[in-house]
Protein backbone atom coordinates (compact mmCIF):
# COMPACT_ATOMS: atom_id res chain seq x y z
CA MET A 1 -16.89 4.22 39.28
CA PRO A 2 -14.44 5.82 41.92
CA ARG A 3 -12.01 3.39 44.46
CA GLY A 4 -9.40 4.45 47.24
CA THR A 5 -5.66 4.36 46.97
CA ARG A 6 -3.42 6.22 49.15
CA ASP A 7 -0.36 8.37 48.22
CA PRO A 8 3.04 8.05 49.67
CA GLY A 9 1.66 10.81 52.61
CA GLY A 10 -0.98 8.32 53.69
CA VAL A 11 -3.90 10.57 52.17
CA VAL A 12 -6.95 8.38 50.43
CA VAL A 13 -7.17 9.65 46.69
CA ALA A 14 -9.87 8.96 44.97
CA GLN A 15 -9.37 7.60 41.13
CA PHE A 16 -11.64 6.71 38.66
CA VAL A 17 -11.83 3.13 37.36
CA PRO A 18 -14.14 3.11 33.83
CA ALA A 19 -17.15 0.74 34.02
CA GLU A 20 -17.13 -2.25 31.94
CA ALA A 21 -19.59 -1.08 29.88
CA VAL A 22 -17.49 2.15 28.91
CA VAL A 23 -14.68 0.27 28.23
CA ASN A 24 -16.06 -2.14 25.97
CA GLN A 25 -17.98 1.01 23.91
CA VAL A 26 -14.48 2.75 23.70
CA LEU A 27 -12.79 -0.61 22.79
CA ASP A 28 -14.83 -1.22 20.19
CA LEU A 29 -14.63 2.09 18.48
CA ALA A 30 -10.78 2.17 18.74
CA LEU A 31 -10.87 -1.69 17.07
CA ARG A 32 -13.14 -0.72 14.19
CA ILE A 33 -10.59 2.51 13.29
CA GLY A 34 -7.92 -0.07 13.71
CA GLU A 35 -9.68 -2.83 11.05
CA VAL A 36 -10.10 0.18 8.58
CA GLN A 37 -6.38 1.00 8.81
CA LEU A 38 -5.03 -2.80 8.61
CA SER A 39 -7.32 -3.47 5.92
CA SER A 40 -6.23 -0.77 4.16
CA GLY A 41 -2.42 -1.94 4.26
CA ALA A 42 -1.08 0.46 7.16
CA GLY A 43 1.74 -1.10 9.25
CA ALA A 44 1.22 -2.86 12.84
CA SER A 45 3.15 -0.30 14.51
CA ASP A 46 0.95 2.61 12.79
CA VAL A 47 -2.01 0.51 13.74
CA THR A 48 -1.53 -0.32 17.44
CA ALA A 49 -0.21 3.76 17.98
CA THR A 50 -3.92 4.86 16.60
CA ILE A 51 -5.69 2.21 18.83
CA ILE A 52 -3.87 3.26 21.93
CA ALA A 53 -4.18 7.34 20.93
CA VAL A 54 -7.91 6.78 20.69
CA ALA A 55 -8.16 4.86 23.67
CA ASN A 56 -6.22 7.49 25.67
CA ALA A 57 -8.26 10.14 24.59
CA CYS A 58 -11.20 8.74 25.44
CA GLY A 59 -10.12 8.01 29.24
CA LEU A 60 -8.56 4.79 28.98
CA ASP A 61 -5.01 5.30 29.82
CA GLN A 62 -3.77 1.32 30.37
CA CYS A 63 -4.42 -0.46 27.38
CA GLN A 64 -2.45 -3.04 25.60
CA VAL A 65 -2.71 -3.75 21.81
CA ASP A 66 -1.51 -6.75 19.84
CA VAL A 67 -2.03 -6.60 15.86
CA THR A 68 -1.70 -10.12 13.77
CA PHE A 69 -2.10 -10.39 10.38
CA THR A 70 -5.91 -11.11 10.60
CA SER A 71 -6.96 -10.20 14.05
CA ILE A 72 -6.81 -7.23 16.59
CA THR A 73 -6.80 -7.30 20.06
CA ALA A 74 -6.77 -4.79 22.87
CA CYS A 75 -6.96 -5.29 26.67
CA CYS A 76 -7.68 -2.27 29.06
CA HIS A 77 -6.33 -2.86 32.34
CA ARG A 78 -8.38 -1.54 35.58
CA GLY A 79 -5.81 -1.93 38.33
CA ALA A 80 -5.25 -4.75 40.69
CA GLU A 81 -8.84 -4.85 41.81
CA PHE A 82 -10.91 -5.01 38.96
CA ALA A 83 -10.78 -7.36 36.02
CA PRO A 84 -9.34 -6.36 32.54
CA VAL A 85 -11.36 -5.57 30.06
CA THR A 86 -10.39 -7.94 26.38
CA SER A 87 -12.00 -7.37 23.05
CA LEU A 88 -11.03 -9.08 19.82
CA ARG A 89 -11.50 -7.66 16.08
CA VAL A 90 -10.75 -10.03 12.94
CA VAL A 91 -9.93 -8.49 9.68
CA ARG A 92 -12.12 -10.57 7.55
CA SER A 93 -11.94 -8.76 4.20
CA ARG A 94 -8.77 -6.25 2.57
CA GLY A 95 -9.59 -3.84 0.12
CA LEU A 96 -8.31 0.02 -0.90
CA ASP A 97 -10.61 2.55 -0.39
CA TYR A 98 -8.46 5.39 0.47
CA THR A 99 -11.06 7.99 0.79
CA ARG A 100 -12.63 5.76 3.51
CA LEU A 101 -8.80 6.01 5.15
CA ALA A 102 -8.84 9.67 5.07
CA ALA A 103 -12.23 10.04 6.39
CA VAL A 104 -11.29 7.67 9.28
CA GLU A 105 -7.80 9.36 10.11
CA GLN A 106 -9.77 12.76 10.02
CA LEU A 107 -12.04 11.14 12.76
CA VAL A 108 -9.02 10.25 15.02
CA ARG A 109 -7.75 13.66 14.98
CA ASP A 110 -10.89 14.94 15.86
CA ILE A 111 -11.28 12.26 18.82
CA THR A 112 -7.67 12.68 20.28
CA ARG A 113 -8.45 16.21 20.02
CA ARG A 114 -11.65 15.98 22.07
CA ARG A 115 -13.55 17.24 19.12
CA THR A 116 -16.16 14.47 19.63
CA THR A 117 -17.49 12.17 21.72
CA ALA A 118 -16.98 8.32 21.58
CA VAL A 119 -21.14 7.92 20.84
CA GLU A 120 -20.69 10.69 18.30
CA ALA A 121 -17.42 9.28 16.86
CA ALA A 122 -18.96 5.64 16.45
CA LYS A 123 -21.92 7.05 14.82
CA ARG A 124 -19.51 8.85 12.22
CA LEU A 125 -17.47 5.63 11.83
CA ASP A 126 -20.76 3.80 10.89
CA ARG A 127 -21.38 6.26 8.15
CA ILE A 128 -17.76 5.95 6.95
CA VAL A 129 -17.53 2.69 6.54
CA ASN A 130 -21.06 1.77 5.12
CA ALA A 131 -20.56 4.75 2.51
CA ARG A 132 -20.30 4.02 -1.19
CA HIS A 133 -17.13 4.24 -3.20
CA PRO A 134 -16.96 7.67 -4.28
CA TYR A 135 -16.12 6.80 -7.95
CA PRO A 136 -18.31 4.45 -10.03
CA ARG A 137 -16.48 1.27 -11.01
CA TRP A 138 -16.13 1.58 -14.53
CA VAL A 139 -13.47 4.40 -13.63
CA ALA A 140 -11.49 2.23 -11.31
CA THR A 141 -11.21 0.23 -14.24
CA ALA A 142 -10.57 3.35 -16.67
CA ALA A 143 -7.70 4.07 -13.90
CA TRP A 144 -6.39 0.51 -14.26
CA ALA A 145 -5.96 0.38 -17.65
CA GLY A 146 -4.43 4.03 -17.66
CA MET A 147 -1.90 2.21 -15.47
CA ALA A 148 -1.23 -0.23 -17.91
CA ALA A 149 -0.93 2.36 -20.54
CA SER A 150 1.64 4.82 -18.69
CA VAL A 151 3.77 1.47 -17.75
CA SER A 152 4.02 0.51 -20.80
CA VAL A 153 5.13 3.89 -22.04
CA LEU A 154 7.84 3.97 -19.05
CA LEU A 155 9.17 0.87 -20.28
CA GLY A 156 9.50 2.70 -23.93
CA ALA A 157 6.50 1.38 -25.57
CA GLY A 158 4.18 3.18 -28.51
CA PRO A 159 0.97 4.31 -28.95
CA LEU A 160 -0.20 0.77 -30.14
CA VAL A 161 1.25 -1.19 -27.62
CA ALA A 162 -0.01 1.18 -24.83
CA LEU A 163 -3.56 0.97 -26.04
CA ALA A 164 -3.00 -2.99 -26.00
CA ALA A 165 -1.92 -3.14 -22.45
CA ALA A 166 -4.63 -0.60 -21.30
CA VAL A 167 -7.26 -2.99 -23.38
CA ILE A 168 -6.00 -6.27 -21.67
CA THR A 169 -5.97 -5.01 -18.52
CA ALA A 170 -9.49 -3.40 -18.54
CA ALA A 171 -10.70 -6.78 -19.42
CA ILE A 172 -8.87 -8.54 -16.63
CA ASP A 173 -10.39 -6.26 -13.83
CA ARG A 174 -14.28 -6.62 -15.34
CA ILE A 175 -13.46 -10.38 -15.15
CA GLY A 176 -11.67 -10.32 -11.85
CA ARG A 177 -14.95 -8.25 -10.75
CA ILE A 178 -17.33 -10.99 -11.88
CA LEU A 179 -15.22 -13.59 -10.07
CA ASN A 180 -15.29 -12.02 -6.98
CA ARG A 181 -18.90 -11.83 -7.21
CA HIS A 182 -18.90 -15.22 -7.04
CA ASN A 183 -16.15 -15.49 -4.25
CA LEU A 184 -13.33 -16.94 -6.27
CA PRO A 185 -10.47 -16.85 -3.96
CA PHE A 186 -8.24 -14.48 -5.01
CA PHE A 187 -5.19 -17.02 -5.56
CA PHE A 188 -7.08 -18.35 -8.73
CA GLN A 189 -7.85 -14.78 -9.86
CA GLN A 190 -4.19 -14.15 -10.02
CA VAL A 191 -3.46 -17.45 -12.18
CA LEU A 192 -6.40 -16.26 -14.35
CA GLY A 193 -5.07 -12.75 -14.45
CA GLY A 194 -1.66 -13.44 -15.36
CA ALA A 195 -2.97 -16.27 -18.08
CA LEU A 196 -5.48 -13.65 -19.63
CA ALA A 197 -2.60 -11.12 -19.79
CA THR A 198 0.11 -13.21 -21.46
CA GLY A 199 -2.39 -15.11 -23.60
CA GLY A 200 -3.89 -11.86 -24.71
CA ALA A 201 -0.81 -10.30 -25.85
CA LEU A 202 0.58 -13.19 -27.76
CA ALA A 203 -3.21 -13.40 -29.33
CA VAL A 204 -2.90 -9.90 -30.58
CA VAL A 205 0.98 -10.16 -31.53
CA SER A 206 0.07 -13.30 -33.70
CA THR A 207 -2.43 -11.30 -35.70
CA GLY A 208 0.45 -9.43 -36.78
CA TRP A 209 -1.69 -6.00 -35.69
CA LEU A 210 1.03 -4.77 -33.12
CA GLY A 211 4.25 -6.05 -35.33
CA GLU A 212 6.10 -6.17 -32.04
CA SER A 213 7.42 -8.33 -29.27
CA PRO A 214 4.58 -8.96 -26.40
CA THR A 215 7.05 -8.38 -23.97
CA ILE A 216 6.07 -4.66 -22.53
CA VAL A 217 2.34 -5.46 -23.19
CA VAL A 218 2.42 -8.23 -20.48
CA ALA A 219 5.06 -6.58 -18.02
CA ALA A 220 2.64 -3.43 -17.66
CA ALA A 221 -0.09 -6.39 -16.88
CA ILE A 222 1.84 -7.96 -14.43
CA THR A 223 2.93 -4.23 -12.95
CA VAL A 224 -0.49 -3.81 -12.35
CA LEU A 225 -1.80 -7.00 -10.93
CA LEU A 226 1.35 -6.80 -8.52
CA SER A 227 0.61 -3.13 -7.38
CA GLY A 228 -2.18 -4.51 -5.06
CA LEU A 229 -0.11 -6.12 -2.95
CA SER A 230 0.92 -5.27 0.74
CA VAL A 231 4.79 -5.09 0.01
CA VAL A 232 5.52 -1.91 1.90
CA GLY A 233 3.17 -3.16 4.90
CA ALA A 234 4.86 -6.18 5.22
CA VAL A 235 8.36 -5.21 5.03
CA GLN A 236 7.46 -2.26 7.55
CA ASP A 237 6.03 -4.89 10.08
CA ALA A 238 9.44 -6.94 9.60
CA ILE A 239 11.53 -4.09 10.23
CA THR A 240 9.57 -2.64 13.44
CA GLY A 241 9.34 -6.10 15.22
CA TYR A 242 5.85 -7.14 14.50
CA THR A 243 6.97 -10.66 12.96
CA VAL A 244 3.86 -12.54 12.93
CA THR A 245 1.91 -9.83 10.99
CA ALA A 246 4.91 -9.49 8.86
CA SER A 247 4.83 -13.33 7.93
CA GLY A 248 1.08 -13.30 7.23
CA ARG A 249 1.60 -10.37 4.89
CA ALA A 250 5.12 -11.86 3.46
CA MET A 251 2.92 -15.27 2.83
CA GLU A 252 0.08 -13.65 1.31
CA VAL A 253 2.26 -11.63 -1.44
CA ALA A 254 4.09 -14.88 -1.92
CA LEU A 255 0.70 -16.85 -2.43
CA MET A 256 -0.36 -14.22 -4.74
CA THR A 257 2.78 -13.63 -6.70
CA ALA A 258 3.23 -17.38 -7.08
CA GLY A 259 -0.38 -17.30 -8.65
CA LEU A 260 0.41 -14.74 -11.14
CA ILE A 261 3.39 -16.78 -11.75
CA GLY A 262 1.60 -19.79 -12.30
CA GLY A 263 -0.89 -18.22 -14.64
CA VAL A 264 2.35 -16.60 -16.76
CA VAL A 265 3.77 -20.13 -17.20
CA LEU A 266 0.78 -21.63 -18.12
CA ALA A 267 -0.21 -19.14 -21.07
CA LEU A 268 3.30 -19.45 -22.38
CA ASN A 269 3.36 -23.30 -22.07
CA MET A 270 -0.11 -23.37 -24.20
CA ALA A 271 1.07 -21.20 -26.60
CA THR A 272 4.27 -23.61 -27.21
CA GLU A 273 1.98 -26.42 -27.69
CA LEU A 274 -0.70 -24.63 -30.16
CA GLY A 275 2.47 -24.04 -32.32
CA LEU A 276 2.48 -20.10 -32.14
CA PRO A 277 5.77 -18.61 -33.19
CA LYS A 278 8.02 -18.17 -30.62
CA VAL A 279 8.40 -14.26 -30.23
CA PRO A 280 11.84 -13.10 -28.72
CA MET A 281 12.12 -11.36 -25.78
CA ALA A 282 12.10 -7.46 -26.17
CA GLU A 283 14.63 -5.55 -24.38
CA ALA A 284 14.06 -2.28 -22.29
CA LEU A 285 15.28 0.89 -24.05
CA PRO A 286 18.53 1.73 -23.02
CA PRO A 287 18.81 4.60 -20.46
CA SER A 288 19.14 8.09 -22.10
CA ALA A 289 18.88 11.37 -20.47
CA LEU A 290 16.27 12.52 -23.46
CA ARG A 291 14.06 9.96 -22.03
CA LEU A 292 13.81 11.19 -18.33
CA PRO A 293 11.22 13.95 -18.91
CA VAL A 294 8.89 11.30 -20.65
CA GLN A 295 9.85 8.82 -17.92
CA ALA A 296 8.74 11.23 -15.27
CA LEU A 297 5.33 12.06 -16.98
CA ALA A 298 4.81 8.11 -17.50
CA GLY A 299 5.40 7.80 -13.92
CA ALA A 300 3.16 10.65 -12.53
CA ALA A 301 0.38 9.11 -14.65
CA ALA A 302 1.06 5.42 -14.01
CA ALA A 303 0.93 6.59 -9.91
CA GLY A 304 -1.84 8.90 -10.29
CA CYS A 305 -4.06 6.23 -12.06
CA PHE A 306 -3.12 3.82 -9.23
CA ALA A 307 -4.37 6.26 -6.62
CA LEU A 308 -7.87 7.09 -8.77
CA ALA A 309 -8.03 3.19 -9.36
CA SER A 310 -7.95 2.85 -5.14
CA TYR A 311 -10.69 5.60 -4.36
CA ALA A 312 -8.46 8.43 -3.58
CA THR A 313 -9.24 11.94 -3.28
CA MET A 314 -8.41 14.34 -6.12
CA ARG A 315 -5.67 16.04 -3.77
CA SER A 316 -4.12 12.59 -2.93
CA MET A 317 -4.09 11.80 -6.27
CA MET A 318 -2.76 14.93 -7.35
CA VAL A 319 0.26 14.39 -4.73
CA ALA A 320 0.55 10.49 -5.77
CA SER A 321 1.29 12.15 -9.33
CA ALA A 322 4.31 13.77 -7.88
CA ALA A 323 5.79 10.99 -5.90
CA GLY A 324 5.36 8.96 -9.22
CA ALA A 325 7.31 11.46 -10.94
CA LEU A 326 9.70 11.76 -8.46
CA GLY A 327 10.31 8.19 -8.15
CA ALA A 328 10.52 7.47 -11.91
CA LEU A 329 12.72 10.43 -12.31
CA GLY A 330 15.04 9.12 -9.52
CA TYR A 331 15.44 5.90 -10.63
CA GLY A 332 16.14 6.81 -14.50
CA ALA A 333 18.73 9.19 -13.52
CA LEU A 334 20.40 6.80 -11.46
CA VAL A 335 20.51 3.73 -13.99
CA LEU A 336 21.57 6.40 -16.19
CA GLY A 337 24.43 7.34 -14.00
CA GLY A 338 25.22 3.15 -13.78
CA THR A 339 23.59 2.21 -10.40
CA GLY A 340 22.21 -1.24 -10.63
CA PRO A 341 18.24 -1.85 -10.99
CA ILE A 342 18.06 -3.11 -6.80
CA VAL A 343 20.53 -0.10 -5.59
CA ALA A 344 18.36 2.39 -8.24
CA SER A 345 14.81 1.31 -6.89
CA ALA A 346 15.90 1.43 -3.54
CA VAL A 347 17.04 4.96 -3.19
CA ALA A 348 14.01 6.04 -5.42
CA ALA A 349 12.10 4.53 -2.84
CA ALA A 350 13.51 6.21 -0.37
CA GLY A 351 13.21 9.10 -1.85
CA ILE A 352 9.60 8.88 -2.32
CA GLY A 353 9.10 7.86 1.35
CA PHE A 354 11.11 10.66 2.56
CA CYS A 355 9.10 13.56 0.60
CA GLY A 356 5.84 11.56 1.28
CA GLY A 357 6.53 11.49 5.46
CA VAL A 358 7.29 15.21 5.03
CA MET A 359 5.14 16.72 2.94
CA ALA A 360 1.68 14.40 2.85
CA ARG A 361 1.07 15.80 6.22
CA ARG A 362 1.47 19.62 5.17
CA LEU A 363 -0.51 18.75 2.24
CA GLY A 364 -3.54 17.13 4.35
CA VAL A 365 -3.14 13.70 2.66
CA THR A 366 -2.45 10.41 4.08
CA PRO A 367 1.13 9.55 3.59
CA LEU A 368 0.24 5.80 2.76
CA VAL A 369 -1.31 7.30 -0.51
CA VAL A 370 1.91 8.71 -1.38
CA ALA A 371 4.10 6.03 -0.50
CA VAL A 372 2.19 3.15 -2.35
CA SER A 373 1.05 5.00 -5.45
CA GLY A 374 4.48 6.25 -5.81
CA MET A 375 6.38 2.93 -6.00
CA THR A 376 3.77 1.14 -8.08
CA PRO A 377 5.43 2.39 -11.41
CA LEU A 378 8.79 0.82 -10.30
CA PHE A 379 7.30 -2.83 -9.61
CA PRO A 380 9.55 -5.14 -11.63
CA GLY A 381 6.98 -6.23 -13.92
CA LEU A 382 9.44 -6.43 -16.76
CA THR A 383 12.08 -8.45 -14.96
CA THR A 384 9.57 -11.10 -13.58
CA TYR A 385 8.01 -11.65 -17.42
CA ARG A 386 11.53 -12.02 -18.67
CA SER A 387 12.83 -14.46 -15.81
CA LEU A 388 9.45 -16.51 -16.50
CA TYR A 389 10.08 -16.51 -20.15
CA GLU A 390 13.82 -17.58 -19.67
CA LEU A 391 12.60 -20.47 -17.46
CA ALA A 392 9.36 -21.82 -19.53
CA VAL A 393 10.24 -21.03 -22.77
CA ASP A 394 14.12 -20.92 -23.39
CA GLY A 395 14.64 -23.65 -20.44
CA THR A 396 17.77 -21.93 -18.93
CA SER A 397 18.85 -21.47 -15.52
CA ALA A 398 19.37 -17.68 -16.15
CA GLY A 399 15.23 -17.27 -15.36
CA VAL A 400 16.48 -18.21 -11.80
CA VAL A 401 18.74 -15.24 -11.38
CA THR A 402 16.36 -12.88 -12.81
CA LEU A 403 13.75 -13.60 -10.89
CA MET A 404 15.69 -13.29 -7.73
CA THR A 405 16.77 -10.10 -9.17
CA ALA A 406 13.11 -9.25 -9.72
CA LEU A 407 12.65 -10.28 -5.86
CA GLY A 408 15.35 -8.14 -4.55
CA ILE A 409 13.87 -5.16 -6.70
CA ALA A 410 10.59 -5.63 -4.63
CA LEU A 411 12.22 -6.08 -1.39
CA ALA A 412 14.31 -2.83 -2.01
CA LEU A 413 11.15 -0.51 -2.83
CA GLY A 414 9.23 -1.91 0.32
CA ALA A 415 12.31 -1.27 2.58
CA GLY A 416 13.18 2.15 0.54
CA VAL A 417 10.07 3.57 1.29
CA VAL A 418 10.30 2.60 5.19
CA LEU A 419 13.90 3.98 5.37
CA GLY A 420 12.82 7.51 4.04
CA GLU A 421 9.97 7.33 6.38
CA TYR A 422 11.88 6.84 8.86
CA LEU A 423 14.52 9.44 8.12
CA ALA A 424 11.40 12.05 7.78
CA GLN A 425 10.76 11.67 11.41
CA PRO A 426 13.53 14.31 12.63
CA VAL A 427 12.33 16.56 9.94
CA ARG A 428 8.56 16.07 11.12
CA VAL A 429 9.49 16.55 15.03
CA ARG A 430 10.96 20.33 14.07
CA LEU A 431 8.22 21.21 11.66
CA GLY A 432 5.78 20.05 14.48
CA ARG A 433 7.87 22.27 16.89
CA LEU A 434 7.34 25.11 14.29
CA GLU A 435 3.96 24.48 13.91
CA ARG A 436 3.21 24.31 17.76
CA ARG A 437 5.14 28.09 18.18
CA LEU A 438 2.85 29.23 14.82
CA GLY A 439 -0.20 27.52 16.69
CA ALA A 440 -0.73 25.82 13.36
CA ILE A 441 -0.70 22.21 13.92
CA ARG A 442 -1.47 19.98 11.06
CA LEU A 443 -1.10 16.35 11.47
CA VAL A 444 -2.51 13.62 9.20
CA GLY A 445 -1.76 10.11 8.99
CA PRO A 446 -2.28 7.10 11.13
CA THR A 447 1.47 7.28 12.52
CA TRP A 448 0.84 10.91 13.82
CA GLN A 449 0.07 9.77 17.26
CA ARG A 450 3.82 8.65 17.86
CA LEU A 451 5.25 11.96 16.41
CA GLU A 452 2.96 13.70 18.65
CA LEU A 453 4.41 11.68 21.45
CA GLU A 454 8.20 12.25 20.13
CA THR A 455 7.85 15.87 19.86
CA THR A 456 6.63 16.30 23.52
CA ALA A 457 9.29 13.84 25.18
CA SER A 458 11.90 15.51 22.89
CA LYS A 459 11.35 19.06 24.91
């Protein structure tokens, strides 16, 4: 729809005003893409940049986007003479399917490079969203079990303890799958998961089969239950100024963690009431240079299993494994050098975020997969269980201090990853310039649109 305006010389210049139907079609496409990213744990700033980039590529250069925890709103301004068009998308479900996320980001690249039209992109998006998971459900269960076993080895457990952690975690995952079919709120699933992890470990130890403390078994299961929470997204939104979305995500993380804590405390109290013998807390193995290779291998296995359980591609899983090895090795080396757990977690997470921000796009994988998967082996499952044990069984106030330490480690991991990605931006800009000179641009990820704008503005 053309309209006439006058330039400074008084000449009438024809401008194009998009029809309302076209605007609705483009906004619907952009918001559906943003919904996939937001439900996968991407930050609000990344989702906003993606939606604006898609809208601009389709001819809408005057769009405003507002992202909250449960909805995305986009408004296209069409000048002072025509009414703006606003569209809203509610994000009802959240789940991890990194193969779907990678396919959507490939679609975004094709849209912004004018390789496909809005109509064709909408059809491709329908196929991506409605596609089945790339792996059977039992593969995800086996991956969660493998992650629990790997975390147990990372904490210093033997083969029997690792096997017990894997079996208990697999049972929790299958029971959670059944509860999902009955639409049980996730909070109660966390309560049940924490209770099953603790109760199962106490029951196995009471039989004398393991002959060890259930501490590491419960810590591994808690780490698995904590890994699905969007800690990175909450911290990123808070740092980048999206306080509403950050508050919603932080509330979700706090509520799910409270459910997990409630389940663990419930199981500990029931064990006391049933007269089960009081099993002392097992301490983590002291830092040793000889264990660093084992920690690196266990961290790689834990991160790779998390990526596989989240339906990542094989390439993404390999890169995530490398990030997990880097994080576990860095954390172990820092602790061996006398660094505290909070600072060591932050530095190791920053290294993961930096390497993921620089290398992930070079290797054609999603940076979010690298960041989230790489930091999962470092979640404070053992510290969390120790704090709850001190509160529920020992009845000492030292549990409050230990719980605050666990909270500090979790926040340090999220902030460290975000800081690493921020420090990687100048490196990405320089690499982007070099790739442009060589004529072989390869950018993948929800924030690559902002990188392109930064590169153009810096010239």
